[in-house]
Amino acid sequence: MRWVEGFITADWGTTNRRAYLIDGDGQCVDEFEDDRGIMSVPREAFGDAVAEIRERLGDKPLLLAGMVGSNRGWIEAPYVQCPAGFDDIVDALEWPEPGRTAIVPGVSFQDSDQADVMRGEEVQLLGAFAAGIVADDALVCHPGTHNKWVRLQGGRIRRFTTVMTGELFSLLKEHSILSDLLSGSVEAGDAFARGVRRGLEGDRLTAELFKVRARVLLGEAEPQDAASYGSGLLIGTDVRTGLGEGQDTEICVMGSPKLTALYAEALRIAGRQPREVDGEQGFLAGARRLVELIDERS
């Protein structure tokens, strides 16, 4: 059976997994999401966890992406070095079940003073390019737990930088002196904009974070605005880093709509006009292109 006649693909991360059933017309006809991320699955139990996916979506070829291919996942799929495109990804697929189950490798970037890695985002990024959603030389902001600023060149991943903004906000919210103030909802309003501007202007992030609390204690800010302001401060600092990757190209913000809205607003405050792209759309386009290449080479 050819993969393009019907397959399952899964974005299997650290804490969650999301799987999609794709029919012969390339359409998603069923899907599910659960909390069975790799950290909840012992290595010896991955075979059973994969069988669960097929039990829910059908006995089809299976393409796995994300942290399932890390050194803490099922089988490690070594990183492909930048610049990386679809052909490089297909050449480096790992096959725990030959012809039936493939694991997508991650992508790495190294130069004289930088080192960075990604897993899962590469499928979305290259898929968005293949689907004509992003230009072949775009700068892509991919917000999440670990935000990526990715430079495409000729439709390949040329270089990227990771910023731990999402994880930092979560740690501050759960385990810091700011936890009570950051427990509220984050909205892209005035408080968020003030935080973004401070993040864009300054280079003293750790000092500015403490001031989130001090401003409330001294009556200069309302407690209910602290989460939005703190998020804006972190995202503004993040955007400041990302804009260092270049000012000359289109910026696409790709991921879940809730996060892309915040980053897009921060970029507008910084004077740019970004485009928002649904990360799921990019992932499915990337998976379809990968299975086309698998069939071509089989």
Protein backbone atom coordinates (compact mmCIF):
# COMPACT_ATOMS: atom_id res chain seq x y z
CA MET A 1 0.00 0.00 0.00
CA ARG A 2 1.29 3.45 -0.91
CA TRP A 3 1.44 5.94 1.94
CA VAL A 4 -0.44 8.62 0.02
CA GLU A 5 -3.46 6.31 -0.19
CA GLY A 6 -3.97 6.90 3.53
CA PHE A 7 -1.72 7.35 6.54
CA ILE A 8 -1.58 8.57 10.14
CA THR A 9 0.73 11.31 11.31
CA ALA A 10 1.38 12.41 14.89
CA ASP A 11 3.03 15.42 16.46
CA TRP A 12 4.29 13.74 19.65
CA GLY A 13 5.69 16.21 22.13
CA THR A 14 7.00 16.21 25.67
CA THR A 15 3.63 16.47 27.43
CA ASN A 16 1.03 15.93 24.68
CA ARG A 17 0.51 14.08 21.43
CA ARG A 18 -1.84 14.87 18.58
CA ALA A 19 -2.56 12.37 15.82
CA TYR A 20 -4.33 12.80 12.47
CA LEU A 21 -5.80 10.33 10.00
CA ILE A 22 -5.19 11.50 6.42
CA ASP A 23 -7.19 9.93 3.57
CA GLY A 24 -6.18 9.33 -0.04
CA ASP A 25 -7.26 12.84 -1.03
CA GLY A 26 -4.89 14.33 1.53
CA GLN A 27 -7.72 15.41 3.84
CA CYS A 28 -7.74 15.01 7.61
CA VAL A 29 -10.77 12.82 8.35
CA ASP A 30 -10.18 12.03 12.03
CA GLU A 31 -7.89 13.14 14.85
CA PHE A 32 -7.37 13.07 18.57
CA GLU A 33 -5.24 14.80 21.18
CA ASP A 34 -4.29 13.53 24.62
CA ASP A 35 -1.73 13.98 27.40
CA ARG A 36 0.34 10.92 26.45
CA GLY A 37 3.50 12.91 25.80
CA ILE A 38 6.86 11.16 25.81
CA MET A 39 7.48 11.93 29.49
CA SER A 40 4.47 9.78 30.42
CA VAL A 41 5.59 6.76 28.37
CA PRO A 42 8.42 4.46 29.57
CA ARG A 43 10.76 3.59 26.72
CA GLU A 44 9.75 -0.07 26.81
CA ALA A 45 6.08 0.94 26.45
CA PHE A 46 6.35 2.98 23.25
CA GLY A 47 5.31 -0.01 21.13
CA ASP A 48 2.03 -0.17 23.05
CA ALA A 49 1.59 3.62 22.83
CA VAL A 50 2.00 3.44 19.04
CA ALA A 51 -0.51 0.59 18.91
CA GLU A 52 -2.99 2.84 20.76
CA ILE A 53 -2.79 5.37 17.95
CA ARG A 54 -3.65 2.74 15.35
CA GLU A 55 -6.44 1.35 17.51
CA ARG A 56 -8.06 4.80 17.52
CA LEU A 57 -7.39 5.85 13.91
CA GLY A 58 -6.89 2.65 11.91
CA ASP A 59 -4.23 0.24 10.70
CA LYS A 60 -2.30 2.66 8.51
CA PRO A 61 1.33 3.66 7.91
CA LEU A 62 2.44 6.03 10.65
CA LEU A 63 4.66 9.11 10.46
CA LEU A 64 5.82 10.38 13.87
CA ALA A 65 7.34 13.81 14.49
CA GLY A 66 8.44 15.74 17.56
CA MET A 67 10.10 14.65 20.78
CA VAL A 68 9.29 10.98 20.13
CA GLY A 69 12.50 11.02 18.08
CA SER A 70 14.62 12.57 20.84
CA ASN A 71 17.05 10.80 23.16
CA ARG A 72 14.19 10.64 25.68
CA GLY A 73 11.68 9.25 23.18
CA TRP A 74 11.09 5.91 21.46
CA ILE A 75 14.07 5.75 19.09
CA GLU A 76 16.48 8.64 18.59
CA ALA A 77 16.43 10.15 15.11
CA PRO A 78 19.69 12.17 14.85
CA TYR A 79 19.45 15.84 13.91
CA VAL A 80 19.81 17.00 10.32
CA GLN A 81 22.11 20.00 10.10
CA CYS A 82 21.07 23.32 8.58
CA PRO A 83 20.46 24.19 5.84
CA ALA A 84 17.76 21.50 5.83
CA GLY A 85 14.91 20.77 3.43
CA PHE A 86 12.47 17.93 2.78
CA ASP A 87 15.00 15.74 0.96
CA ASP A 88 17.39 15.94 3.91
CA ILE A 89 14.58 15.02 6.31
CA VAL A 90 13.48 12.00 4.28
CA ASP A 91 17.07 10.77 3.94
CA ALA A 92 17.38 10.75 7.74
CA LEU A 93 14.07 9.11 8.72
CA GLU A 94 14.34 6.39 11.33
CA TRP A 95 12.28 3.24 10.71
CA PRO A 96 11.41 1.33 13.91
CA GLU A 97 8.97 -0.69 11.79
CA PRO A 98 10.44 -0.75 8.24
CA GLY A 99 8.00 0.46 5.62
CA ARG A 100 5.29 0.93 8.22
CA THR A 101 6.39 3.43 10.87
CA ALA A 102 8.83 6.31 10.38
CA ILE A 103 10.22 8.88 12.84
CA VAL A 104 11.12 12.36 11.57
CA PRO A 105 14.56 13.66 12.61
CA GLY A 106 14.98 17.06 14.19
CA VAL A 107 17.07 19.89 12.77
CA SER A 108 20.20 21.44 14.29
CA PHE A 109 22.04 24.72 13.71
CA GLN A 110 25.67 25.41 14.58
CA ASP A 111 28.14 28.14 13.80
CA SER A 112 31.20 29.55 15.54
CA ASP A 113 29.29 30.73 18.62
CA GLN A 114 25.78 29.25 18.44
CA ALA A 115 24.16 25.86 18.81
CA ASP A 116 20.44 25.15 18.58
CA VAL A 117 18.01 22.29 17.95
CA MET A 118 14.36 21.72 17.06
CA ARG A 119 12.02 18.75 16.82
CA GLY A 120 8.55 18.92 15.27
CA GLU A 121 8.69 22.54 14.16
CA GLU A 122 10.60 21.53 11.02
CA VAL A 123 7.53 19.71 9.66
CA GLN A 124 5.35 22.81 10.15
CA LEU A 125 7.93 25.20 8.72
CA LEU A 126 8.74 23.23 5.58
CA GLY A 127 5.09 22.27 5.16
CA ALA A 128 4.02 25.91 5.24
CA PHE A 129 6.55 26.68 2.52
CA ALA A 130 5.45 23.67 0.41
CA ALA A 131 1.82 24.78 0.69
CA GLY A 132 2.68 28.33 -0.40
CA ILE A 133 1.74 29.75 3.00
CA VAL A 134 5.13 31.32 3.66
CA ALA A 135 7.71 32.71 1.25
CA ASP A 136 10.93 30.84 0.55
CA ASP A 137 12.98 33.51 2.36
CA ALA A 138 10.61 34.39 5.22
CA LEU A 139 11.50 34.97 8.85
CA VAL A 140 9.15 32.74 10.84
CA CYS A 141 8.31 33.23 14.51
CA HIS A 142 7.07 29.93 15.97
CA PRO A 143 5.80 30.62 19.52
CA GLY A 144 5.38 27.88 22.06
CA THR A 145 7.10 26.62 25.18
CA HIS A 146 10.36 27.30 23.34
CA ASN A 147 9.79 29.97 20.71
CA LYS A 148 11.77 29.65 17.47
CA TRP A 149 12.90 32.45 15.16
CA VAL A 150 13.61 30.69 11.89
CA ARG A 151 15.19 32.05 8.72
CA LEU A 152 14.14 30.25 5.56
CA GLN A 153 16.34 30.51 2.50
CA GLY A 154 15.43 28.92 -0.80
CA GLY A 155 12.65 27.02 0.94
CA ARG A 156 15.06 25.39 3.40
CA ILE A 157 15.68 26.02 7.09
CA ARG A 158 18.84 28.13 7.00
CA ARG A 159 19.28 29.10 10.66
CA PHE A 160 17.24 29.56 13.82
CA THR A 161 17.32 30.79 17.41
CA THR A 162 15.32 29.40 20.32
CA VAL A 163 13.99 31.63 23.12
CA MET A 164 12.63 29.97 26.29
CA THR A 165 9.85 32.53 26.74
CA GLY A 166 6.93 30.16 27.26
CA GLU A 167 8.77 27.96 29.71
CA LEU A 168 10.09 30.97 31.63
CA PHE A 169 6.60 32.43 31.98
CA SER A 170 5.31 29.07 33.20
CA LEU A 171 8.11 28.75 35.77
CA LEU A 172 7.53 32.27 37.04
CA LYS A 173 3.80 31.60 37.25
CA GLU A 174 4.22 28.37 39.20
CA HIS A 175 7.40 28.73 41.24
CA SER A 176 8.35 32.37 41.80
CA ILE A 177 7.49 35.32 44.00
CA LEU A 178 5.36 36.53 41.08
CA SER A 179 3.18 33.42 41.02
CA ASP A 180 0.10 35.02 42.56
CA LEU A 181 0.28 38.02 40.19
CA LEU A 182 0.82 35.95 37.04
CA SER A 183 -2.09 33.58 37.64
CA GLY A 184 -4.56 35.82 35.82
CA SER A 185 -5.45 35.76 32.14
CA VAL A 186 -3.22 37.34 29.52
CA GLU A 187 -4.92 39.76 27.15
CA ALA A 188 -3.43 41.84 24.33
CA GLY A 189 -4.59 45.14 25.82
CA ASP A 190 -2.94 48.23 27.29
CA ALA A 191 -1.04 46.41 30.05
CA PHE A 192 0.33 43.89 27.56
CA ALA A 193 1.40 46.73 25.23
CA ARG A 194 3.21 48.51 28.08
CA GLY A 195 5.09 45.32 28.88
CA VAL A 196 6.00 44.77 25.23
CA ARG A 197 7.40 48.29 24.90
CA ARG A 198 9.50 47.86 28.03
CA GLY A 199 10.80 44.54 26.73
CA LEU A 200 11.65 46.05 23.34
CA GLU A 201 13.47 49.00 24.93
CA GLY A 202 15.49 47.37 27.67
CA ASP A 203 18.17 44.80 28.29
CA ARG A 204 17.58 44.26 32.02
CA LEU A 205 14.94 41.54 31.91
CA THR A 206 15.62 40.03 35.34
CA ALA A 207 15.41 43.45 36.99
CA GLU A 208 12.24 44.34 35.08
CA LEU A 209 10.60 41.09 36.17
CA PHE A 210 10.96 41.98 39.84
CA LYS A 211 9.44 45.38 39.12
CA VAL A 212 6.22 43.61 38.09
CA ARG A 213 5.68 42.98 41.80
CA ALA A 214 7.12 46.26 43.04
CA ARG A 215 4.84 48.34 40.79
CA VAL A 216 1.78 46.62 42.26
CA LEU A 217 3.00 46.98 45.86
CA LEU A 218 3.63 50.70 45.36
CA GLY A 219 0.28 51.35 43.70
CA GLU A 220 1.69 52.04 40.23
CA ALA A 221 -0.11 49.08 38.64
CA GLU A 222 -3.26 47.03 39.19
CA PRO A 223 -2.83 43.38 40.28
CA GLN A 224 -5.22 42.18 37.57
CA ASP A 225 -2.94 43.67 34.89
CA ALA A 226 0.22 41.93 36.10
CA ALA A 227 -0.12 38.75 34.03
CA SER A 228 -0.65 40.68 30.80
CA TYR A 229 2.16 43.10 31.60
CA GLY A 230 4.56 40.29 32.55
CA SER A 231 3.71 38.32 29.44
CA GLY A 232 4.20 41.44 27.33
CA LEU A 233 7.56 42.08 28.95
CA LEU A 234 8.78 38.58 28.14
CA ILE A 235 7.36 38.56 24.61
CA GLY A 236 8.73 42.04 23.91
CA THR A 237 12.19 40.84 24.93
CA ASP A 238 11.69 37.77 22.74
CA VAL A 239 10.69 39.91 19.75
CA ARG A 240 13.74 42.11 20.32
CA THR A 241 15.87 38.98 19.91
CA GLY A 242 13.96 37.84 16.84
CA LEU A 243 14.21 41.14 15.01
CA GLY A 244 17.97 40.78 15.27
CA GLU A 245 17.63 38.02 12.68
CA GLY A 246 16.87 40.65 10.03
CA GLN A 247 14.54 43.50 9.16
CA ASP A 248 14.30 42.97 5.43
CA THR A 249 11.79 40.16 4.95
CA GLU A 250 8.24 39.16 5.70
CA ILE A 251 7.60 37.86 9.21
CA CYS A 252 5.13 35.02 9.63
CA VAL A 253 3.93 34.03 13.09
CA MET A 254 3.02 30.35 13.01
CA GLY A 255 1.51 28.20 15.76
CA SER A 256 -1.65 28.02 17.84
CA PRO A 257 -3.94 31.03 17.26
CA LYS A 258 -3.92 32.13 20.92
CA LEU A 259 -0.14 32.48 20.95
CA THR A 260 0.25 33.84 17.44
CA ALA A 261 -2.18 36.66 18.31
CA LEU A 262 0.04 37.81 21.18
CA TYR A 263 3.26 37.68 19.18
CA ALA A 264 1.65 39.35 16.17
CA GLU A 265 0.49 42.21 18.38
CA ALA A 266 3.98 42.55 19.87
CA LEU A 267 5.47 42.70 16.38
CA ARG A 268 2.98 45.39 15.37
CA ILE A 269 4.01 47.41 18.43
CA ALA A 270 7.60 46.97 17.19
CA GLY A 271 6.60 48.47 13.85
CA ARG A 272 6.25 45.32 11.76
CA GLN A 273 3.23 43.91 9.92
CA PRO A 274 3.31 40.14 10.50
CA ARG A 275 1.10 37.45 9.01
CA GLU A 276 -0.42 34.78 11.24
CA VAL A 277 -0.35 31.15 10.10
CA ASP A 278 -2.08 28.17 11.74
CA GLY A 279 0.66 25.73 12.76
CA GLU A 280 -1.63 22.73 12.32
CA GLN A 281 -2.13 23.64 8.67
CA GLY A 282 1.64 23.73 8.19
CA PHE A 283 2.14 20.42 10.00
CA LEU A 284 -0.39 18.57 7.86
CA ALA A 285 1.05 20.05 4.66
CA GLY A 286 4.52 18.98 5.76
CA ALA A 287 3.40 15.45 6.59
CA ARG A 288 1.69 15.11 3.19
CA ARG A 289 4.86 16.21 1.37
CA LEU A 290 7.01 13.81 3.38
CA VAL A 291 4.85 10.79 2.54
CA GLU A 292 4.89 11.78 -1.14
CA LEU A 293 8.67 11.61 -1.01
CA ILE A 294 8.56 8.32 0.90
CA ASP A 295 6.43 6.80 -1.86
CA GLU A 296 8.69 8.20 -4.57
CA ARG A 297 11.68 6.47 -3.00
CA SER A 298 10.03 3.16 -2.22
